Amino acid sequence: MKRFYYMSDDLDDLEQIEHDLEAGGIPRTQIYLLSNDDVGLDNHDVNRVASFLKTDVIHSGEIGAVLGLAIAALILLVAYFSGITAQVGWVPFIFLAIVGFGFATWEAGFIGMQVPNVHFAKYEKALAKGRHVLFVETGVEDKKKLKKVLKRYPKLERAGTEVTHTGLFMLALRTWEKLRSRALIFQGRPSKQQQ
């Protein structure tokens, strides 16, 4: 998938753009608005970036998981080649490997909570000046839909693109939204799209 970034000073325009993108066939789960203006976002119907995603917790957690796998493998290899498993058994070393993996992942994620998201760091100055960043995750089929809608908004500034590996995650989010929407209808409450 590809992520397209756009910047604007006007939350009203961005709200309208988001609604037009949804009407144009791009799911809401692929459209996000990043802003430091939480009060402004509360007054608009936009899909804001969750606060924990503004940090680098996921990226750092992934790095920690890779490091944790290396630590777990090292623990198991040392146990195997030292021959101690013949006397004590594998259980304590497997447990220690799991703890090592979990600790490395947790600690890296904890460190990542204190650092801005690597994907959004380049927009920190603009966000500090009160600007807003709209980004859209698109597959090949959504690219034309995106261009068609954004042609109507010449004031929207293009702020960059990047390739992401979020296709499976986006599919899971779309499925979750469909299930949630059906559950709300089943309970007799309208979903946000129906209000």
C-alpha atoms as a PDB file:
ATOM      1  CA  MET A   1       0.000   0.000   0.000  1.00  0.00           C
ATOM      2  CA  LYS A   2       0.992   3.610  -0.416  1.00  0.00           C
ATOM      3  CA  ARG A   3       0.389   6.453   2.032  1.00  0.00           C
ATOM      4  CA  PHE A   4      -0.240   9.952   0.669  1.00  0.00           C
ATOM      5  CA  TYR A   5       0.226  12.959   2.973  1.00  0.00           C
ATOM      6  CA  TYR A   6      -1.475  16.343   2.563  1.00  0.00           C
ATOM      7  CA  MET A   7      -1.367  19.517   4.673  1.00  0.00           C
ATOM      8  CA  SER A   8      -3.884  22.250   5.316  1.00  0.00           C
ATOM      9  CA  ASP A   9      -4.731  24.983   7.817  1.00  0.00           C
ATOM     10  CA  ASP A  10      -8.494  24.492   7.532  1.00  0.00           C
ATOM     11  CA  LEU A  11     -10.190  21.719   9.523  1.00  0.00           C
ATOM     12  CA  ASP A  12     -13.527  22.421   7.828  1.00  0.00           C
ATOM     13  CA  ASP A  13     -11.998  21.687   4.408  1.00  0.00           C
ATOM     14  CA  LEU A  14     -10.293  18.568   5.725  1.00  0.00           C
ATOM     15  CA  GLU A  15     -13.559  17.311   7.184  1.00  0.00           C
ATOM     16  CA  GLN A  16     -15.269  17.820   3.821  1.00  0.00           C
ATOM     17  CA  ILE A  17     -12.381  16.139   1.989  1.00  0.00           C
ATOM     18  CA  GLU A  18     -12.643  13.131   4.291  1.00  0.00           C
ATOM     19  CA  HIS A  19     -16.397  12.849   3.655  1.00  0.00           C
ATOM     20  CA  ASP A  20     -15.841  13.198  -0.105  1.00  0.00           C
ATOM     21  CA  LEU A  21     -13.171  10.489  -0.031  1.00  0.00           C
ATOM     22  CA  GLU A  22     -15.559   8.177   1.823  1.00  0.00           C
ATOM     23  CA  ALA A  23     -18.342   8.957  -0.665  1.00  0.00           C
ATOM     24  CA  GLY A  24     -15.825   8.297  -3.452  1.00  0.00           C
ATOM     25  CA  GLY A  25     -15.226   4.761  -2.222  1.00  0.00           C
ATOM     26  CA  ILE A  26     -12.222   5.016   0.087  1.00  0.00           C
ATOM     27  CA  PRO A  27     -13.068   3.480   3.483  1.00  0.00           C
ATOM     28  CA  ARG A  28     -12.843   5.675   6.581  1.00  0.00           C
ATOM     29  CA  THR A  29     -10.332   3.250   8.073  1.00  0.00           C
ATOM     30  CA  GLN A  30      -7.825   4.358   5.407  1.00  0.00           C
ATOM     31  CA  ILE A  31      -8.206   8.113   6.027  1.00  0.00           C
ATOM     32  CA  TYR A  32      -6.601   9.792   9.055  1.00  0.00           C
ATOM     33  CA  LEU A  33      -6.111  13.313  10.298  1.00  0.00           C
ATOM     34  CA  LEU A  34      -3.078  14.207  12.383  1.00  0.00           C
ATOM     35  CA  SER A  35      -3.256  17.427  14.367  1.00  0.00           C
ATOM     36  CA  ASN A  36      -2.219  18.941  17.675  1.00  0.00           C
ATOM     37  CA  ASP A  37      -5.563  20.786  17.844  1.00  0.00           C
ATOM     38  CA  ASP A  38      -7.542  18.273  19.913  1.00  0.00           C
ATOM     39  CA  VAL A  39     -10.372  20.737  20.591  1.00  0.00           C
ATOM     40  CA  GLY A  40     -10.756  21.429  16.869  1.00  0.00           C
ATOM     41  CA  LEU A  41     -10.781  17.716  16.114  1.00  0.00           C
ATOM     42  CA  ASP A  42     -13.483  17.170  18.744  1.00  0.00           C
ATOM     43  CA  ASN A  43     -15.682  19.672  16.888  1.00  0.00           C
ATOM     44  CA  HIS A  44     -15.293  17.923  13.522  1.00  0.00           C
ATOM     45  CA  ASP A  45     -16.326  14.483  12.275  1.00  0.00           C
ATOM     46  CA  VAL A  46     -12.907  13.231  11.241  1.00  0.00           C
ATOM     47  CA  ASN A  47     -10.975  10.024  11.729  1.00  0.00           C
ATOM     48  CA  ARG A  48      -8.161  11.250  13.957  1.00  0.00           C
ATOM     49  CA  VAL A  49      -4.913   9.436  14.623  1.00  0.00           C
ATOM     50  CA  ALA A  50      -5.091   7.688  18.000  1.00  0.00           C
ATOM     51  CA  SER A  51      -2.819   9.275  20.588  1.00  0.00           C
ATOM     52  CA  PHE A  52      -0.713   6.140  21.075  1.00  0.00           C
ATOM     53  CA  LEU A  53      -0.069   6.013  17.307  1.00  0.00           C
ATOM     54  CA  LYS A  54       1.447   9.494  17.476  1.00  0.00           C
ATOM     55  CA  THR A  55       4.261   7.834  19.399  1.00  0.00           C
ATOM     56  CA  ASP A  56       6.720   5.278  18.071  1.00  0.00           C
ATOM     57  CA  VAL A  57       5.419   2.469  20.301  1.00  0.00           C
ATOM     58  CA  ILE A  58       4.602   0.046  17.466  1.00  0.00           C
ATOM     59  CA  HIS A  59       7.794   0.574  15.467  1.00  0.00           C
ATOM     60  CA  SER A  60       9.952   0.354  18.594  1.00  0.00           C
ATOM     61  CA  GLY A  61       7.993  -2.688  19.778  1.00  0.00           C
ATOM     62  CA  GLU A  62       8.736  -4.435  16.487  1.00  0.00           C
ATOM     63  CA  ILE A  63      12.432  -3.707  16.898  1.00  0.00           C
ATOM     64  CA  GLY A  64      12.227  -4.977  20.482  1.00  0.00           C
ATOM     65  CA  ALA A  65      10.508  -8.167  19.306  1.00  0.00           C
ATOM     66  CA  VAL A  66      13.337  -8.871  16.856  1.00  0.00           C
ATOM     67  CA  LEU A  67      15.866  -8.215  19.611  1.00  0.00           C
ATOM     68  CA  GLY A  68      13.794 -10.405  21.950  1.00  0.00           C
ATOM     69  CA  LEU A  69      13.871 -13.266  19.443  1.00  0.00           C
ATOM     70  CA  ALA A  70      17.651 -12.978  19.296  1.00  0.00           C
ATOM     71  CA  ILE A  71      17.864 -13.024  23.107  1.00  0.00           C
ATOM     72  CA  ALA A  72      15.528 -16.040  23.323  1.00  0.00           C
ATOM     73  CA  ALA A  73      17.533 -17.899  20.667  1.00  0.00           C
ATOM     74  CA  LEU A  74      20.786 -17.092  22.477  1.00  0.00           C
ATOM     75  CA  ILE A  75      19.399 -18.398  25.786  1.00  0.00           C
ATOM     76  CA  LEU A  76      18.246 -21.652  24.161  1.00  0.00           C
ATOM     77  CA  LEU A  77      21.508 -22.096  22.248  1.00  0.00           C
ATOM     78  CA  VAL A  78      23.622 -21.567  25.373  1.00  0.00           C
ATOM     79  CA  ALA A  79      21.452 -24.037  27.269  1.00  0.00           C
ATOM     80  CA  TYR A  80      21.749 -26.611  24.483  1.00  0.00           C
ATOM     81  CA  PHE A  81      25.502 -26.329  23.913  1.00  0.00           C
ATOM     82  CA  SER A  82      26.364 -26.153  27.613  1.00  0.00           C
ATOM     83  CA  GLY A  83      24.671 -29.504  28.206  1.00  0.00           C
ATOM     84  CA  ILE A  84      22.900 -28.269  31.319  1.00  0.00           C
ATOM     85  CA  THR A  85      19.515 -29.247  29.891  1.00  0.00           C
ATOM     86  CA  ALA A  86      20.398 -32.919  30.484  1.00  0.00           C
ATOM     87  CA  GLN A  87      20.560 -32.247  34.225  1.00  0.00           C
ATOM     88  CA  VAL A  88      17.880 -29.583  34.716  1.00  0.00           C
ATOM     89  CA  GLY A  89      15.593 -30.025  31.713  1.00  0.00           C
ATOM     90  CA  TRP A  90      14.340 -27.553  29.142  1.00  0.00           C
ATOM     91  CA  VAL A  91      11.490 -25.947  31.098  1.00  0.00           C
ATOM     92  CA  PRO A  92      13.495 -23.275  32.971  1.00  0.00           C
ATOM     93  CA  PHE A  93      15.338 -22.252  29.814  1.00  0.00           C
ATOM     94  CA  ILE A  94      12.191 -22.078  27.700  1.00  0.00           C
ATOM     95  CA  PHE A  95      10.590 -19.981  30.429  1.00  0.00           C
ATOM     96  CA  LEU A  96      13.678 -17.728  30.586  1.00  0.00           C
ATOM     97  CA  ALA A  97      13.630 -17.360  26.771  1.00  0.00           C
ATOM     98  CA  ILE A  98       9.945 -16.320  26.866  1.00  0.00           C
ATOM     99  CA  VAL A  99      10.661 -13.810  29.632  1.00  0.00           C
ATOM    100  CA  GLY A 100      13.650 -12.421  27.704  1.00  0.00           C
ATOM    101  CA  PHE A 101      11.562 -12.028  24.552  1.00  0.00           C
ATOM    102  CA  GLY A 102       8.690 -10.388  26.429  1.00  0.00           C
ATOM    103  CA  PHE A 103      10.947  -8.034  28.371  1.00  0.00           C
ATOM    104  CA  ALA A 104      12.817  -6.841  25.262  1.00  0.00           C
ATOM    105  CA  THR A 105       9.547  -6.208  23.405  1.00  0.00           C
ATOM    106  CA  TRP A 106       7.947  -4.425  26.366  1.00  0.00           C
ATOM    107  CA  GLU A 107      10.989  -2.265  27.112  1.00  0.00           C
ATOM    108  CA  ALA A 108      11.418  -1.203  23.481  1.00  0.00           C
ATOM    109  CA  GLY A 109       7.708  -0.341  23.278  1.00  0.00           C
ATOM    110  CA  PHE A 110       7.995   1.648  26.497  1.00  0.00           C
ATOM    111  CA  ILE A 111      10.911   3.615  25.076  1.00  0.00           C
ATOM    112  CA  GLY A 112       8.929   4.142  21.862  1.00  0.00           C
ATOM    113  CA  MET A 113       6.064   5.714  23.840  1.00  0.00           C
ATOM    114  CA  GLN A 114       8.360   8.615  24.632  1.00  0.00           C
ATOM    115  CA  VAL A 115       9.417   9.265  21.019  1.00  0.00           C
ATOM    116  CA  PRO A 116       7.324  10.710  18.154  1.00  0.00           C
ATOM    117  CA  ASN A 117       6.250   8.268  15.451  1.00  0.00           C
ATOM    118  CA  VAL A 118       9.007   7.960  12.843  1.00  0.00           C
ATOM    119  CA  HIS A 119       6.467   8.429  10.031  1.00  0.00           C
ATOM    120  CA  PHE A 120       5.143  11.693  11.486  1.00  0.00           C
ATOM    121  CA  ALA A 121       8.392  13.230  12.768  1.00  0.00           C
ATOM    122  CA  LYS A 122       8.909  15.195   9.543  1.00  0.00           C
ATOM    123  CA  TYR A 123       5.623  17.029  10.189  1.00  0.00           C
ATOM    124  CA  GLU A 124       6.362  18.075  13.799  1.00  0.00           C
ATOM    125  CA  LYS A 125       7.237  21.685  12.877  1.00  0.00           C
ATOM    126  CA  ALA A 126       4.104  22.115  10.759  1.00  0.00           C
ATOM    127  CA  LEU A 127       1.927  20.590  13.500  1.00  0.00           C
ATOM    128  CA  ALA A 128       3.495  22.910  16.065  1.00  0.00           C
ATOM    129  CA  LYS A 129       2.504  25.882  13.877  1.00  0.00           C
ATOM    130  CA  GLY A 130      -1.135  24.749  13.954  1.00  0.00           C
ATOM    131  CA  ARG A 131      -1.271  22.975  10.609  1.00  0.00           C
ATOM    132  CA  HIS A 132      -3.044  19.661  10.074  1.00  0.00           C
ATOM    133  CA  VAL A 133      -1.888  16.583   8.168  1.00  0.00           C
ATOM    134  CA  LEU A 134      -4.307  14.345   6.293  1.00  0.00           C
ATOM    135  CA  PHE A 135      -3.011  10.999   5.187  1.00  0.00           C
ATOM    136  CA  VAL A 136      -4.659   8.343   3.109  1.00  0.00           C
ATOM    137  CA  GLU A 137      -3.629   4.691   2.849  1.00  0.00           C
ATOM    138  CA  THR A 138      -4.344   3.489  -0.669  1.00  0.00           C
ATOM    139  CA  GLY A 139      -4.067   0.330  -2.642  1.00  0.00           C
ATOM    140  CA  VAL A 140      -3.760   0.324  -6.422  1.00  0.00           C
ATOM    141  CA  GLU A 141      -7.556   0.344  -6.812  1.00  0.00           C
ATOM    142  CA  ASP A 142      -7.957   3.430  -4.572  1.00  0.00           C
ATOM    143  CA  LYS A 143      -5.367   5.648  -6.272  1.00  0.00           C
ATOM    144  CA  LYS A 144      -7.730   6.860  -9.016  1.00  0.00           C
ATOM    145  CA  LYS A 145     -10.493   7.521  -6.488  1.00  0.00           C
ATOM    146  CA  LEU A 146      -8.104   9.629  -4.415  1.00  0.00           C
ATOM    147  CA  LYS A 147      -6.922  11.701  -7.387  1.00  0.00           C
ATOM    148  CA  LYS A 148     -10.496  12.261  -8.579  1.00  0.00           C
ATOM    149  CA  VAL A 149     -11.625  13.665  -5.211  1.00  0.00           C
ATOM    150  CA  LEU A 150      -8.529  15.746  -4.506  1.00  0.00           C
ATOM    151  CA  LYS A 151      -8.721  17.531  -7.884  1.00  0.00           C
ATOM    152  CA  ARG A 152     -11.571  19.561  -6.376  1.00  0.00           C
ATOM    153  CA  TYR A 153      -9.316  20.899  -3.589  1.00  0.00           C
ATOM    154  CA  PRO A 154      -6.469  22.925  -5.101  1.00  0.00           C
ATOM    155  CA  LYS A 155      -5.597  24.561  -1.742  1.00  0.00           C
ATOM    156  CA  LEU A 156      -4.626  21.204  -0.242  1.00  0.00           C
ATOM    157  CA  GLU A 157      -0.826  20.936  -0.191  1.00  0.00           C
ATOM    158  CA  ARG A 158       0.790  17.644  -1.100  1.00  0.00           C
ATOM    159  CA  ALA A 159       3.226  16.747   1.670  1.00  0.00           C
ATOM    160  CA  GLY A 160       4.761  13.477   0.534  1.00  0.00           C
ATOM    161  CA  THR A 161       4.238   9.765  -0.010  1.00  0.00           C
ATOM    162  CA  GLU A 162       5.673   6.580   1.355  1.00  0.00           C
ATOM    163  CA  VAL A 163       5.241   2.871   0.815  1.00  0.00           C
ATOM    164  CA  THR A 164       3.713   1.081   3.777  1.00  0.00           C
ATOM    165  CA  HIS A 165       3.143  -2.545   4.651  1.00  0.00           C
ATOM    166  CA  THR A 166      -0.254  -2.025   6.204  1.00  0.00           C
ATOM    167  CA  GLY A 167      -2.425  -3.908   3.703  1.00  0.00           C
ATOM    168  CA  LEU A 168      -3.284  -6.744   6.098  1.00  0.00           C
ATOM    169  CA  PHE A 169      -3.867  -4.262   8.939  1.00  0.00           C
ATOM    170  CA  MET A 170      -6.195  -2.165   6.747  1.00  0.00           C
ATOM    171  CA  LEU A 171      -8.145  -5.295   5.796  1.00  0.00           C
ATOM    172  CA  ALA A 172      -8.541  -6.159   9.483  1.00  0.00           C
ATOM    173  CA  LEU A 173      -9.732  -2.606  10.255  1.00  0.00           C
ATOM    174  CA  ARG A 174     -12.292  -2.665   7.429  1.00  0.00           C
ATOM    175  CA  THR A 175     -13.605  -6.033   8.634  1.00  0.00           C
ATOM    176  CA  TRP A 176     -13.799  -4.753  12.215  1.00  0.00           C
ATOM    177  CA  GLU A 177     -15.742  -1.665  11.110  1.00  0.00           C
ATOM    178  CA  LYS A 178     -18.218  -3.796   9.145  1.00  0.00           C
ATOM    179  CA  LEU A 179     -18.785  -6.105  12.122  1.00  0.00           C
ATOM    180  CA  ARG A 180     -19.115  -3.155  14.499  1.00  0.00           C
ATOM    181  CA  SER A 181     -21.578  -1.428  12.191  1.00  0.00           C
ATOM    182  CA  ARG A 182     -23.707  -4.571  11.959  1.00  0.00           C
ATOM    183  CA  ALA A 183     -23.639  -4.970  15.733  1.00  0.00           C
ATOM    184  CA  LEU A 184     -24.839  -1.382  16.233  1.00  0.00           C
ATOM    185  CA  ILE A 185     -27.663  -1.896  13.746  1.00  0.00           C
ATOM    186  CA  PHE A 186     -28.585  -5.171  15.449  1.00  0.00           C
ATOM    187  CA  GLN A 187     -28.751  -3.321  18.772  1.00  0.00           C
ATOM    188  CA  GLY A 188     -31.025  -0.696  17.202  1.00  0.00           C
ATOM    189  CA  ARG A 189     -28.421   2.105  17.209  1.00  0.00           C
ATOM    190  CA  PRO A 190     -27.325   3.766  13.997  1.00  0.00           C
ATOM    191  CA  SER A 191     -23.663   3.725  13.055  1.00  0.00           C
ATOM    192  CA  LYS A 192     -21.833   7.039  12.485  1.00  0.00           C
ATOM    193  CA  GLN A 193     -22.300   6.765   8.722  1.00  0.00           C
ATOM    194  CA  GLN A 194     -26.090   6.494   9.175  1.00  0.00           C
ATOM    195  CA  GLN A 195     -26.427   9.528  11.504  1.00  0.00           C
END
